[in-house]
Amino acid sequence: MNGRARAFAPIIERVGNPTPEQVRTAREQAGLTQTAAALLVSPARAQPYRTWQSYEVPSGQSGARSIPLATWELFLLLTNQHPGLRLTRRRPAVTAP
């Protein structure tokens, strides 16, 4: 699959469902607190760390919540940890004189 085809593949083919440990490791590798990680991918302003904290609780424990795939992919893209894609800045449009 070429890069363009991979970019338009279903999300589950681009990134899998992470374990709580993978979520915590990715956050730590990005050098972010739970609050900073939450604010990076969510507009929530009231106690944003609570939501992120729930993504890091081991499955089966009280308060555990799976991170939505779109949120996970956005986090990986913004922290340059995505397994197959990366963000690049657009070049400014050149206007004709």
N, C-alpha and C. Protein backbone atom coordinates (compact mmCIF):
# COMPACT_ATOMS: atom_id res chain seq x y z
N MET A 1 0.86 -1.18 0.00
CA MET A 1 0.00 0.00 0.00
C MET A 1 0.90 1.24 0.00
N ASN A 2 0.66 2.15 -0.95
CA ASN A 2 1.49 3.36 -0.99
C ASN A 2 1.05 4.35 0.09
N GLY A 3 1.84 5.42 0.27
CA GLY A 3 1.57 6.39 1.34
C GLY A 3 0.19 7.01 1.27
N ARG A 4 -0.24 7.37 0.06
CA ARG A 4 -1.55 8.00 -0.08
C ARG A 4 -2.67 7.02 0.26
N ALA A 5 -2.53 5.79 -0.24
CA ALA A 5 -3.55 4.78 0.06
C ALA A 5 -3.59 4.50 1.56
N ARG A 6 -2.42 4.46 2.21
CA ARG A 6 -2.37 4.21 3.65
C ARG A 6 -3.04 5.35 4.41
N ALA A 7 -2.86 6.58 3.95
CA ALA A 7 -3.47 7.73 4.62
C ALA A 7 -4.99 7.66 4.59
N PHE A 8 -5.55 7.02 3.56
CA PHE A 8 -7.00 6.94 3.44
C PHE A 8 -7.55 5.57 3.80
N ALA A 9 -6.71 4.73 4.39
CA ALA A 9 -7.16 3.42 4.87
C ALA A 9 -8.04 3.64 6.10
N PRO A 10 -8.89 2.69 6.42
CA PRO A 10 -9.70 2.81 7.64
C PRO A 10 -8.79 3.01 8.87
N ILE A 11 -9.27 3.77 9.81
CA ILE A 11 -8.47 4.15 10.97
C ILE A 11 -7.92 2.93 11.70
N ILE A 12 -8.68 1.86 11.78
CA ILE A 12 -8.24 0.66 12.50
C ILE A 12 -7.04 0.03 11.80
N GLU A 13 -6.85 0.31 10.50
CA GLU A 13 -5.67 -0.18 9.78
C GLU A 13 -4.47 0.74 9.97
N ARG A 14 -4.71 1.98 10.34
CA ARG A 14 -3.60 2.94 10.56
C ARG A 14 -3.06 2.85 11.97
N VAL A 15 -3.96 2.77 12.94
CA VAL A 15 -3.56 2.64 14.35
C VAL A 15 -4.50 1.64 15.00
N GLY A 16 -3.96 0.80 15.82
CA GLY A 16 -4.80 -0.17 16.52
C GLY A 16 -5.27 0.39 17.84
N ASN A 17 -6.10 -0.37 18.51
CA ASN A 17 -6.56 0.02 19.84
C ASN A 17 -5.40 -0.12 20.81
N PRO A 18 -4.97 0.96 21.43
CA PRO A 18 -3.82 0.87 22.35
C PRO A 18 -4.23 0.33 23.72
N THR A 19 -3.28 -0.25 24.39
CA THR A 19 -3.49 -0.65 25.78
C THR A 19 -3.29 0.59 26.65
N PRO A 20 -3.78 0.58 27.87
CA PRO A 20 -3.53 1.70 28.77
C PRO A 20 -2.02 1.96 28.94
N GLU A 21 -1.22 0.91 28.95
CA GLU A 21 0.23 1.06 29.07
C GLU A 21 0.81 1.78 27.85
N GLN A 22 0.31 1.49 26.66
CA GLN A 22 0.78 2.17 25.45
C GLN A 22 0.40 3.65 25.48
N VAL A 23 -0.78 3.94 25.99
CA VAL A 23 -1.21 5.34 26.10
C VAL A 23 -0.28 6.09 27.06
N ARG A 24 -0.01 5.50 28.21
CA ARG A 24 0.87 6.14 29.19
C ARG A 24 2.29 6.31 28.62
N THR A 25 2.80 5.27 27.98
CA THR A 25 4.15 5.34 27.42
C THR A 25 4.25 6.43 26.35
N ALA A 26 3.27 6.51 25.47
CA ALA A 26 3.28 7.53 24.41
C ALA A 26 3.24 8.93 25.01
N ARG A 27 2.41 9.10 26.05
CA ARG A 27 2.34 10.41 26.72
C ARG A 27 3.68 10.77 27.34
N GLU A 28 4.27 9.82 28.04
CA GLU A 28 5.56 10.08 28.69
C GLU A 28 6.65 10.34 27.66
N GLN A 29 6.66 9.61 26.54
CA GLN A 29 7.65 9.85 25.49
C GLN A 29 7.50 11.23 24.89
N ALA A 30 6.28 11.74 24.90
CA ALA A 30 6.05 13.10 24.40
C ALA A 30 6.42 14.15 25.44
N GLY A 31 6.71 13.69 26.67
CA GLY A 31 7.08 14.62 27.73
C GLY A 31 5.91 15.43 28.25
N LEU A 32 4.73 14.85 28.23
CA LEU A 32 3.52 15.57 28.63
C LEU A 32 2.92 15.03 29.92
N THR A 33 2.32 15.90 30.68
CA THR A 33 1.51 15.50 31.82
C THR A 33 0.17 15.02 31.27
N GLN A 34 -0.63 14.38 32.13
CA GLN A 34 -1.97 13.97 31.69
C GLN A 34 -2.80 15.18 31.29
N THR A 35 -2.66 16.27 32.00
CA THR A 35 -3.41 17.49 31.66
C THR A 35 -2.99 18.02 30.30
N ALA A 36 -1.69 18.12 30.06
CA ALA A 36 -1.19 18.64 28.78
C ALA A 36 -1.61 17.74 27.63
N ALA A 37 -1.57 16.43 27.83
CA ALA A 37 -1.98 15.49 26.78
C ALA A 37 -3.46 15.67 26.46
N ALA A 38 -4.28 15.79 27.49
CA ALA A 38 -5.72 15.98 27.29
C ALA A 38 -6.01 17.28 26.55
N LEU A 39 -5.35 18.35 26.95
CA LEU A 39 -5.58 19.64 26.30
C LEU A 39 -5.11 19.66 24.85
N LEU A 40 -4.15 18.81 24.52
CA LEU A 40 -3.65 18.73 23.16
C LEU A 40 -4.70 18.20 22.19
N VAL A 41 -5.55 17.30 22.65
CA VAL A 41 -6.50 16.64 21.75
C VAL A 41 -7.97 16.86 22.08
N SER A 42 -8.27 17.64 23.11
CA SER A 42 -9.65 17.83 23.52
C SER A 42 -9.93 19.27 23.89
N PRO A 43 -11.11 19.78 23.55
CA PRO A 43 -11.47 21.14 23.92
C PRO A 43 -11.95 21.24 25.37
N ALA A 44 -12.10 20.11 26.05
CA ALA A 44 -12.58 20.13 27.44
C ALA A 44 -11.64 20.93 28.31
N ARG A 45 -12.18 21.79 29.14
CA ARG A 45 -11.35 22.63 29.99
C ARG A 45 -11.51 22.32 31.47
N ALA A 46 -12.61 21.69 31.84
CA ALA A 46 -12.85 21.37 33.25
C ALA A 46 -12.22 20.02 33.56
N GLN A 47 -11.18 20.03 34.34
CA GLN A 47 -10.46 18.83 34.77
C GLN A 47 -10.11 17.91 33.60
N PRO A 48 -9.39 18.40 32.59
CA PRO A 48 -9.09 17.57 31.42
C PRO A 48 -8.26 16.33 31.75
N TYR A 49 -7.46 16.41 32.81
CA TYR A 49 -6.62 15.27 33.17
C TYR A 49 -7.45 14.05 33.57
N ARG A 50 -8.67 14.27 34.06
CA ARG A 50 -9.51 13.14 34.49
C ARG A 50 -9.82 12.21 33.32
N THR A 51 -10.13 12.80 32.17
CA THR A 51 -10.43 11.97 31.00
C THR A 51 -9.19 11.21 30.58
N TRP A 52 -8.06 11.91 30.48
CA TRP A 52 -6.83 11.24 30.05
C TRP A 52 -6.44 10.17 31.08
N GLN A 53 -6.60 10.49 32.33
CA GLN A 53 -6.26 9.55 33.39
C GLN A 53 -7.03 8.24 33.20
N SER A 54 -8.28 8.33 32.79
CA SER A 54 -9.09 7.11 32.60
C SER A 54 -8.56 6.26 31.46
N TYR A 55 -7.87 6.86 30.48
CA TYR A 55 -7.29 6.10 29.37
C TYR A 55 -6.10 5.27 29.84
N GLU A 56 -5.50 5.66 30.95
CA GLU A 56 -4.31 4.97 31.44
C GLU A 56 -4.62 3.95 32.55
N VAL A 57 -5.87 3.87 32.97
CA VAL A 57 -6.27 2.90 34.00
C VAL A 57 -6.32 1.52 33.34
N PRO A 58 -5.67 0.52 33.93
CA PRO A 58 -5.69 -0.83 33.35
C PRO A 58 -7.12 -1.34 33.13
N SER A 59 -7.31 -2.03 32.02
CA SER A 59 -8.62 -2.59 31.67
C SER A 59 -9.15 -3.46 32.81
N GLY A 60 -10.43 -3.37 33.05
CA GLY A 60 -11.06 -4.15 34.10
C GLY A 60 -11.09 -3.46 35.45
N GLN A 61 -10.29 -2.40 35.61
CA GLN A 61 -10.31 -1.66 36.87
C GLN A 61 -11.35 -0.55 36.79
N SER A 62 -11.81 -0.14 37.96
CA SER A 62 -12.78 0.94 38.04
C SER A 62 -12.23 2.22 37.41
N GLY A 63 -13.02 2.84 36.56
CA GLY A 63 -12.62 4.09 35.93
C GLY A 63 -11.90 3.91 34.60
N ALA A 64 -11.64 2.68 34.19
CA ALA A 64 -10.96 2.43 32.92
C ALA A 64 -11.86 2.82 31.76
N ARG A 65 -11.24 3.44 30.76
CA ARG A 65 -11.97 3.87 29.57
C ARG A 65 -11.02 3.78 28.39
N SER A 66 -11.46 3.22 27.29
CA SER A 66 -10.62 3.13 26.09
C SER A 66 -10.55 4.50 25.42
N ILE A 67 -9.38 4.87 24.97
CA ILE A 67 -9.22 6.12 24.25
C ILE A 67 -9.86 5.95 22.86
N PRO A 68 -10.67 6.89 22.42
CA PRO A 68 -11.26 6.79 21.07
C PRO A 68 -10.14 6.75 20.02
N LEU A 69 -10.32 5.94 19.00
CA LEU A 69 -9.26 5.81 17.98
C LEU A 69 -8.90 7.14 17.33
N ALA A 70 -9.89 7.97 17.05
CA ALA A 70 -9.58 9.26 16.41
C ALA A 70 -8.74 10.14 17.35
N THR A 71 -9.03 10.10 18.63
CA THR A 71 -8.25 10.85 19.61
C THR A 71 -6.84 10.30 19.69
N TRP A 72 -6.70 8.98 19.70
CA TRP A 72 -5.41 8.34 19.75
C TRP A 72 -4.57 8.70 18.52
N GLU A 73 -5.20 8.63 17.35
CA GLU A 73 -4.46 8.95 16.13
C GLU A 73 -4.04 10.42 16.12
N LEU A 74 -4.92 11.30 16.53
CA LEU A 74 -4.57 12.72 16.59
C LEU A 74 -3.40 12.94 17.54
N PHE A 75 -3.45 12.31 18.71
CA PHE A 75 -2.35 12.44 19.67
C PHE A 75 -1.04 11.96 19.06
N LEU A 76 -1.07 10.80 18.41
CA LEU A 76 0.15 10.27 17.79
C LEU A 76 0.68 11.20 16.70
N LEU A 77 -0.23 11.76 15.91
CA LEU A 77 0.20 12.70 14.86
C LEU A 77 0.83 13.96 15.46
N LEU A 78 0.16 14.54 16.45
CA LEU A 78 0.64 15.79 17.03
C LEU A 78 1.94 15.63 17.81
N THR A 79 2.21 14.42 18.29
CA THR A 79 3.43 14.19 19.06
C THR A 79 4.50 13.46 18.23
N ASN A 80 4.26 13.37 16.93
CA ASN A 80 5.20 12.75 15.99
C ASN A 80 5.52 11.30 16.35
N GLN A 81 4.50 10.55 16.77
CA GLN A 81 4.68 9.15 17.13
C GLN A 81 3.83 8.20 16.27
N HIS A 82 3.17 8.75 15.27
CA HIS A 82 2.30 7.92 14.42
C HIS A 82 3.14 6.89 13.67
N PRO A 83 2.68 5.64 13.59
CA PRO A 83 3.48 4.61 12.94
C PRO A 83 3.62 4.75 11.42
N GLY A 84 2.76 5.50 10.77
CA GLY A 84 2.84 5.56 9.32
C GLY A 84 2.64 6.92 8.70
N LEU A 85 2.22 7.89 9.48
CA LEU A 85 1.95 9.22 8.93
C LEU A 85 2.67 10.28 9.75
N ARG A 86 2.84 11.44 9.15
CA ARG A 86 3.39 12.57 9.90
C ARG A 86 2.76 13.84 9.39
N LEU A 87 2.67 14.80 10.26
CA LEU A 87 2.13 16.10 9.87
C LEU A 87 3.23 16.94 9.25
N THR A 88 2.87 17.72 8.27
CA THR A 88 3.80 18.69 7.69
C THR A 88 3.06 20.01 7.54
N ARG A 89 3.81 21.07 7.64
CA ARG A 89 3.20 22.40 7.45
C ARG A 89 3.00 22.64 5.96
N ARG A 90 1.90 23.29 5.66
CA ARG A 90 1.66 23.66 4.27
C ARG A 90 2.57 24.82 3.92
N ARG A 91 2.99 24.81 2.70
CA ARG A 91 3.77 25.95 2.21
C ARG A 91 2.80 27.09 1.96
N PRO A 92 3.24 28.32 2.24
CA PRO A 92 2.35 29.45 1.96
C PRO A 92 2.02 29.51 0.47
N ALA A 93 0.79 29.87 0.18
CA ALA A 93 0.37 30.00 -1.21
C ALA A 93 1.13 31.15 -1.86
N VAL A 94 1.60 30.92 -3.05
CA VAL A 94 2.31 31.96 -3.80
C VAL A 94 1.28 32.70 -4.64
N THR A 95 1.24 34.00 -4.45
CA THR A 95 0.31 34.81 -5.23
C THR A 95 1.03 35.41 -6.39
N ALA A 96 0.35 35.47 -7.52
CA ALA A 96 0.95 36.03 -8.74
C ALA A 96 1.03 37.54 -8.60
N PRO A 97 2.13 38.13 -9.10
CA PRO A 97 2.28 39.60 -9.00
C PRO A 97 1.33 40.34 -9.92
